[in-house]
């Protein structure tokens, strides 16, 4: 019952995300990536853009199995916070994506802080245009994990 009530709102959210315009810098960056994951701050929210082929995007549209995790990596050559995504498509194929936030970058650490403050983030599936979006809830437990990794990165 609740699902039927929320369905029009979910469609409105997806449609709004599809209308999102990328900046020219973001478009240029995405043009250099064959496939992968890129965080961005759009419409006052952190989002993650997954650049994939259209067939992969179609396959992932039906999934609700999306896991994201964080790990602080304190290496001298590149201290970072790794955000790992694992998505399973309708045929149980696993897609793995990583993004490394540079601990020494104020901008990257600010992005992680903004992510911690949000209640959700959007995944935007992109090939040459936005094909699909999915909203992911950030639970209280997720917020605690983000805070812990930020605290570890700052120490």
C-alpha atoms as a PDB file:
ATOM      1  CA  UNK A   1       0.000   0.000   0.000  1.00  0.00           C
ATOM      2  CA  UNK A   2       2.718   2.470   1.015  1.00  0.00           C
ATOM      3  CA  UNK A   3       4.647   1.578  -2.140  1.00  0.00           C
ATOM      4  CA  UNK A   4       1.664   2.644  -4.291  1.00  0.00           C
ATOM      5  CA  UNK A   5       1.415   5.948  -2.427  1.00  0.00           C
ATOM      6  CA  UNK A   6       5.127   6.706  -2.770  1.00  0.00           C
ATOM      7  CA  UNK A   7       5.489   5.579  -6.395  1.00  0.00           C
ATOM      8  CA  UNK A   8       4.416   8.947  -7.962  1.00  0.00           C
ATOM      9  CA  UNK A   9       6.874  10.773  -5.692  1.00  0.00           C
ATOM     10  CA  UNK A  10       9.705   8.415  -6.632  1.00  0.00           C
ATOM     11  CA  UNK A  11       8.961   9.040 -10.320  1.00  0.00           C
ATOM     12  CA  UNK A  12       9.028  12.806  -9.717  1.00  0.00           C
ATOM     13  CA  UNK A  13      12.394  12.465  -7.964  1.00  0.00           C
ATOM     14  CA  UNK A  14      13.800  10.391 -10.847  1.00  0.00           C
ATOM     15  CA  UNK A  15      12.444  12.836 -13.423  1.00  0.00           C
ATOM     16  CA  UNK A  16      14.015  15.789 -11.560  1.00  0.00           C
ATOM     17  CA  UNK A  17      17.382  14.029 -11.501  1.00  0.00           C
ATOM     18  CA  UNK A  18      17.107  13.278 -15.228  1.00  0.00           C
ATOM     19  CA  UNK A  19      16.610  17.001 -15.840  1.00  0.00           C
ATOM     20  CA  UNK A  20      19.831  17.779 -13.996  1.00  0.00           C
ATOM     21  CA  UNK A  21      22.309  19.675 -16.093  1.00  0.00           C
ATOM     22  CA  UNK A  22      25.977  18.863 -15.710  1.00  0.00           C
ATOM     23  CA  UNK A  23      28.474  21.693 -15.749  1.00  0.00           C
ATOM     24  CA  UNK A  24      30.790  21.899 -18.742  1.00  0.00           C
ATOM     25  CA  UNK A  25      33.718  20.836 -16.503  1.00  0.00           C
ATOM     26  CA  UNK A  26      31.816  17.757 -15.338  1.00  0.00           C
ATOM     27  CA  UNK A  27      30.805  16.912 -18.907  1.00  0.00           C
ATOM     28  CA  UNK A  28      34.441  17.195 -19.995  1.00  0.00           C
ATOM     29  CA  UNK A  29      35.624  14.977 -17.135  1.00  0.00           C
ATOM     30  CA  UNK A  30      32.999  12.360 -17.989  1.00  0.00           C
ATOM     31  CA  UNK A  31      34.056  12.442 -21.632  1.00  0.00           C
ATOM     32  CA  UNK A  32      37.531  11.228 -20.596  1.00  0.00           C
ATOM     33  CA  UNK A  33      36.160   8.272 -18.613  1.00  0.00           C
ATOM     34  CA  UNK A  34      35.213   5.095 -20.459  1.00  0.00           C
ATOM     35  CA  UNK A  35      33.475   3.666 -17.393  1.00  0.00           C
ATOM     36  CA  UNK A  36      33.629   4.326 -13.685  1.00  0.00           C
ATOM     37  CA  UNK A  37      32.251   6.273 -10.766  1.00  0.00           C
ATOM     38  CA  UNK A  38      32.566   9.986 -10.104  1.00  0.00           C
ATOM     39  CA  UNK A  39      31.125  11.959  -7.166  1.00  0.00           C
ATOM     40  CA  UNK A  40      29.665  15.389  -7.785  1.00  0.00           C
ATOM     41  CA  UNK A  41      27.776  18.057  -5.885  1.00  0.00           C
ATOM     42  CA  UNK A  42      24.586  18.805  -7.837  1.00  0.00           C
ATOM     43  CA  UNK A  43      21.409  20.564  -6.743  1.00  0.00           C
ATOM     44  CA  UNK A  44      22.863  21.015  -3.237  1.00  0.00           C
ATOM     45  CA  UNK A  45      23.383  17.250  -2.821  1.00  0.00           C
ATOM     46  CA  UNK A  46      26.192  14.748  -3.231  1.00  0.00           C
ATOM     47  CA  UNK A  47      25.527  12.366  -6.106  1.00  0.00           C
ATOM     48  CA  UNK A  48      27.529   9.583  -7.669  1.00  0.00           C
ATOM     49  CA  UNK A  49      27.644   9.367 -11.441  1.00  0.00           C
ATOM     50  CA  UNK A  50      28.225   5.912 -12.894  1.00  0.00           C
ATOM     51  CA  UNK A  51      29.397   6.026 -16.471  1.00  0.00           C
ATOM     52  CA  UNK A  52      28.507   2.751 -18.166  1.00  0.00           C
ATOM     53  CA  UNK A  53      27.372   1.403 -21.483  1.00  0.00           C
ATOM     54  CA  UNK A  54      23.660   1.494 -22.201  1.00  0.00           C
ATOM     55  CA  UNK A  55      23.320  -2.321 -21.961  1.00  0.00           C
ATOM     56  CA  UNK A  56      24.852  -2.318 -18.472  1.00  0.00           C
ATOM     57  CA  UNK A  57      22.590   0.548 -17.393  1.00  0.00           C
ATOM     58  CA  UNK A  58      19.514  -1.331 -18.653  1.00  0.00           C
ATOM     59  CA  UNK A  59      20.633  -4.401 -16.724  1.00  0.00           C
ATOM     60  CA  UNK A  60      21.091  -2.399 -13.498  1.00  0.00           C
ATOM     61  CA  UNK A  61      17.702  -0.669 -13.629  1.00  0.00           C
ATOM     62  CA  UNK A  62      16.002  -3.585 -11.890  1.00  0.00           C
ATOM     63  CA  UNK A  63      18.414  -3.892  -8.966  1.00  0.00           C
ATOM     64  CA  UNK A  64      17.837  -2.991  -5.373  1.00  0.00           C
ATOM     65  CA  UNK A  65      21.018  -4.702  -4.225  1.00  0.00           C
ATOM     66  CA  UNK A  66      23.437  -1.819  -3.821  1.00  0.00           C
ATOM     67  CA  UNK A  67      26.111  -1.893  -1.147  1.00  0.00           C
ATOM     68  CA  UNK A  68      28.454   0.959  -0.330  1.00  0.00           C
ATOM     69  CA  UNK A  69      31.332   0.865   2.137  1.00  0.00           C
ATOM     70  CA  UNK A  70      34.146   3.116   3.298  1.00  0.00           C
ATOM     71  CA  UNK A  71      37.785   2.475   4.138  1.00  0.00           C
ATOM     72  CA  UNK A  72      40.468   4.883   5.306  1.00  0.00           C
ATOM     73  CA  UNK A  73      43.773   4.236   3.544  1.00  0.00           C
ATOM     74  CA  UNK A  74      46.738   5.978   5.137  1.00  0.00           C
ATOM     75  CA  UNK A  75      49.523   5.545   2.612  1.00  0.00           C
ATOM     76  CA  UNK A  76      52.209   8.184   2.308  1.00  0.00           C
ATOM     77  CA  UNK A  77      51.899   8.332  -1.475  1.00  0.00           C
ATOM     78  CA  UNK A  78      48.098   8.804  -1.500  1.00  0.00           C
ATOM     79  CA  UNK A  79      46.241   9.000   1.808  1.00  0.00           C
ATOM     80  CA  UNK A  80      42.602   8.525   0.942  1.00  0.00           C
ATOM     81  CA  UNK A  81      39.139   7.379   1.867  1.00  0.00           C
ATOM     82  CA  UNK A  82      37.977   4.626  -0.436  1.00  0.00           C
ATOM     83  CA  UNK A  83      34.285   4.416  -1.171  1.00  0.00           C
ATOM     84  CA  UNK A  84      33.403   1.061  -2.634  1.00  0.00           C
ATOM     85  CA  UNK A  85      30.132   0.348  -4.453  1.00  0.00           C
ATOM     86  CA  UNK A  86      28.842  -3.092  -5.278  1.00  0.00           C
ATOM     87  CA  UNK A  87      25.789  -3.334  -7.525  1.00  0.00           C
ATOM     88  CA  UNK A  88      24.147  -6.558  -8.588  1.00  0.00           C
ATOM     89  CA  UNK A  89      22.144  -6.602 -11.810  1.00  0.00           C
ATOM     90  CA  UNK A  90      19.007  -8.599 -12.594  1.00  0.00           C
ATOM     91  CA  UNK A  91      21.090 -11.597 -13.742  1.00  0.00           C
ATOM     92  CA  UNK A  92      23.177 -11.540 -10.504  1.00  0.00           C
ATOM     93  CA  UNK A  93      26.231 -10.065 -12.223  1.00  0.00           C
ATOM     94  CA  UNK A  94      28.261  -7.948  -9.795  1.00  0.00           C
ATOM     95  CA  UNK A  95      29.528  -4.487 -10.757  1.00  0.00           C
ATOM     96  CA  UNK A  96      32.205  -2.995  -8.508  1.00  0.00           C
ATOM     97  CA  UNK A  97      33.224   0.637  -8.445  1.00  0.00           C
ATOM     98  CA  UNK A  98      35.678   2.525  -6.271  1.00  0.00           C
ATOM     99  CA  UNK A  99      36.266   6.172  -5.724  1.00  0.00           C
ATOM    100  CA  UNK A 100      39.184   7.483  -3.693  1.00  0.00           C
ATOM    101  CA  UNK A 101      38.694  10.755  -1.822  1.00  0.00           C
ATOM    102  CA  UNK A 102      42.079  12.401  -1.236  1.00  0.00           C
ATOM    103  CA  UNK A 103      42.526  13.057   2.503  1.00  0.00           C
ATOM    104  CA  UNK A 104      44.865  15.968   1.731  1.00  0.00           C
ATOM    105  CA  UNK A 105      42.202  17.658  -0.433  1.00  0.00           C
ATOM    106  CA  UNK A 106      39.945  20.049   1.456  1.00  0.00           C
ATOM    107  CA  UNK A 107      37.424  19.754  -1.389  1.00  0.00           C
ATOM    108  CA  UNK A 108      37.278  15.946  -1.167  1.00  0.00           C
ATOM    109  CA  UNK A 109      36.932  15.987   2.620  1.00  0.00           C
ATOM    110  CA  UNK A 110      34.198  18.616   2.320  1.00  0.00           C
ATOM    111  CA  UNK A 111      32.325  16.350  -0.110  1.00  0.00           C
ATOM    112  CA  UNK A 112      32.471  13.473   2.368  1.00  0.00           C
ATOM    113  CA  UNK A 113      31.257  15.782   5.129  1.00  0.00           C
ATOM    114  CA  UNK A 114      28.314  16.830   2.960  1.00  0.00           C
ATOM    115  CA  UNK A 115      27.529  13.185   2.266  1.00  0.00           C
ATOM    116  CA  UNK A 116      27.429  12.502   6.010  1.00  0.00           C
ATOM    117  CA  UNK A 117      24.943  15.362   6.469  1.00  0.00           C
ATOM    118  CA  UNK A 118      22.506  14.041   3.840  1.00  0.00           C
ATOM    119  CA  UNK A 119      19.666  11.583   4.338  1.00  0.00           C
ATOM    120  CA  UNK A 120      20.080  10.114   0.853  1.00  0.00           C
ATOM    121  CA  UNK A 121      22.174  10.361  -2.284  1.00  0.00           C
ATOM    122  CA  UNK A 122      21.382   9.717  -5.906  1.00  0.00           C
ATOM    123  CA  UNK A 123      23.126   7.339  -8.252  1.00  0.00           C
ATOM    124  CA  UNK A 124      23.080   8.723 -11.771  1.00  0.00           C
ATOM    125  CA  UNK A 125      23.643   6.211 -14.550  1.00  0.00           C
ATOM    126  CA  UNK A 126      25.151   7.955 -17.558  1.00  0.00           C
ATOM    127  CA  UNK A 127      26.448   6.941 -20.961  1.00  0.00           C
ATOM    128  CA  UNK A 128      26.250  10.013 -23.194  1.00  0.00           C
ATOM    129  CA  UNK A 129      23.232  11.322 -21.291  1.00  0.00           C
ATOM    130  CA  UNK A 130      21.476  10.596 -18.014  1.00  0.00           C
ATOM    131  CA  UNK A 131      19.602   7.348 -18.562  1.00  0.00           C
ATOM    132  CA  UNK A 132      18.511   6.369 -15.083  1.00  0.00           C
ATOM    133  CA  UNK A 133      18.709   7.543 -11.492  1.00  0.00           C
ATOM    134  CA  UNK A 134      18.248   5.738  -8.216  1.00  0.00           C
ATOM    135  CA  UNK A 135      17.923   7.240  -4.759  1.00  0.00           C
ATOM    136  CA  UNK A 136      19.830   5.539  -1.919  1.00  0.00           C
ATOM    137  CA  UNK A 137      18.964   6.141   1.726  1.00  0.00           C
ATOM    138  CA  UNK A 138      21.794   6.955   4.124  1.00  0.00           C
ATOM    139  CA  UNK A 139      20.863   5.240   7.374  1.00  0.00           C
ATOM    140  CA  UNK A 140      21.967   6.260  10.842  1.00  0.00           C
ATOM    141  CA  UNK A 141      24.436   3.358  10.759  1.00  0.00           C
ATOM    142  CA  UNK A 142      25.822   4.589   7.406  1.00  0.00           C
ATOM    143  CA  UNK A 143      26.238   8.097   8.857  1.00  0.00           C
ATOM    144  CA  UNK A 144      28.175   6.646  11.794  1.00  0.00           C
ATOM    145  CA  UNK A 145      30.481   4.787   9.395  1.00  0.00           C
ATOM    146  CA  UNK A 146      31.086   7.942   7.358  1.00  0.00           C
ATOM    147  CA  UNK A 147      31.798   9.929  10.525  1.00  0.00           C
ATOM    148  CA  UNK A 148      34.198   7.241  11.787  1.00  0.00           C
ATOM    149  CA  UNK A 149      36.147   7.181   8.519  1.00  0.00           C
ATOM    150  CA  UNK A 150      36.274  11.007   8.445  1.00  0.00           C
ATOM    151  CA  UNK A 151      37.560  11.067  12.031  1.00  0.00           C
ATOM    152  CA  UNK A 152      40.183   8.437  11.168  1.00  0.00           C
ATOM    153  CA  UNK A 153      41.230  10.398   8.069  1.00  0.00           C
ATOM    154  CA  UNK A 154      41.658  13.589  10.103  1.00  0.00           C
ATOM    155  CA  UNK A 155      43.798  11.926  12.792  1.00  0.00           C
END
